[in-house]
C-alpha cells in the first residue's frame, strides 16, 4: 500500500513537472509490452534491456541540456535548427488561442522556410499539455524509438530475432541518429511515419484478408501524404518505394520472368531515352536536382562539388540550366559515388569530422553487406527485401542528387539507414553463419572421415 502511494506521488510530481514526458514514456512502455508478447523469454529480456538503455541515455542527455541551459534564455538547444521549431510552435499555438503575437512573429510563423506539418503537431501538443520546450525533446526521442520498434516487429517476423535485434541496436545507438533523435527536429517523426508506411506496404500483399489489404493500401496513401508534409520528396519516396518494390518482389521469385525483365528492361529504357520529349524532361529533372545541389555547396560549412567546374563560376546558380547531356551524366556518376564515400579521410578538416570517422566506417560496412543481405533476404522474404531496397534506393537518389554540404549529407543520409540497416543486418548474420560453417567443416571432416583408415 505504501509503495503504491509513494509511486503515485512520484508519478504525480513527474507529471506536474513534465506531463508530456510521462505520457510519452507510458505510451512507449505499452508498445514494448505489446511487441514483447510475441517474443521468447530470452528475446524479451534482450529487447527490454536494449530499449531501456536507449531511452535512459536519451533522457540523460536531455536532462543535461536542461541543467546546463543559460538562465537568461527561455530554453536551450542541441542544434541551431531547433529554435525554429520551438519558437514557431509556441507562436502558432498562441495564434490559435487568440493571444497577442508581434507582427514580426506573425509573419515568421507562416514563412515558407521550414514549413512542415511537424510545426502544427508540436503546436497542438503544447496546446494540450502547455509549454514543453524539453518535453518536445522527450517526445522526439520516444517517437524515434517507437519507429525502430515498429520496424523491429516486422523484421523479426520476416528475418528472425537475431537479425531484428542487431538492426535495432545499430539504429538506436549510431551517433548521428542518436543526436537528431533527441533534438526537436522533424527526422524522428519522419522515421516513425516511414516505418508505418513500410509495414502498410508490406501488408498490401501479405495481409491474410482482402479488406485488410485494401486498408493497408489506403494507409500507404495517407502515410505517403504525411511524409510529404514533413519533408519535400517524402511522398515521392514512399510511392516509388512501394510501386517498384512490390512488382520487383513478384518478379524476383519467378526466375523466367526475372530473366526476361533483365533482358527487356535495358531495351525499354534505351527506346524511351531516344524520345525527344523523354530526353528533355530527364535533362530538366537533372538540372533541377543540380540547382538544389548548387545551393547546398554555397551554404556555410564544408562542401563538395559534383558538377563540371564551369557550372560553378560562369553564370552563378542559374548556370546549371545550361548543363548538357554529357555533363549531366558525369554529375549523376559523381553524385552516387560521393553519396557512398563522403566524407573520405582526405576531406577531414575538423575535429568533429574526425570524430565521425568510426561511424563512416560503419556506413562502409553497411554498404558492403547490402549485396549479401539482399541475396539472403530474397530467400527469406522477397516482398520485404524488395520493399526495403526500393525505399532505400529512392531515399539515396533523393539525397545524393541534391546534397553538396558534408554535414547536410551525413544528416540526410540517415534517411536511408532505416532501410539499408536491416538488409545489412541479415547480411552480417548470414556471413557469420557461413564463416562458422567454413571453420567447422575441417573439424567435421577430421571427426567423421570418409575413409575410416584416414584417421589412423
Foldseek 3Di string as FASTA:
>chain_A
DVVVVVVVVVLVVVCVVPVLLSVLVVVLVVLLVVLCVPPDPVLNVLVCVLVVVLLVVLVVVLVVQQVPDDPVDPHGFPDPCLVLLLVLLCVVLCVVVVHDDDPVSVCSSPDPVPQFVLSVVSNVVCNVRNRCSQSLLSNLLSLLLSLLSLLLSVLCVQQNSQLSSQLSSCCSPLVLNSSVSRGNALVSVLSSLVSLLLVLLLCLPVPPDPVSNVVSVVSNQVSLVNNCRGDPCSNVLSCQLSVQLQVVLVQLVPVVSVVVCVVVVVVVVVVQCPDPVSVVVVLVVLLVLQLLALVQQPDPADWADQFDVCCPPPPHSVSSVVDDPVRSVSSQVSLLVCLLCPPPPVSDDDVVVVVCVVVNVVSNLLVVLLVLLLVVSSVRPSSSSSSLVRSLVSQSVSLSSNHTHRVVSVNSNVSNSVRSSSSSSSSVVVVVVVVVCVVCVVVVCQVPPPDVVVND
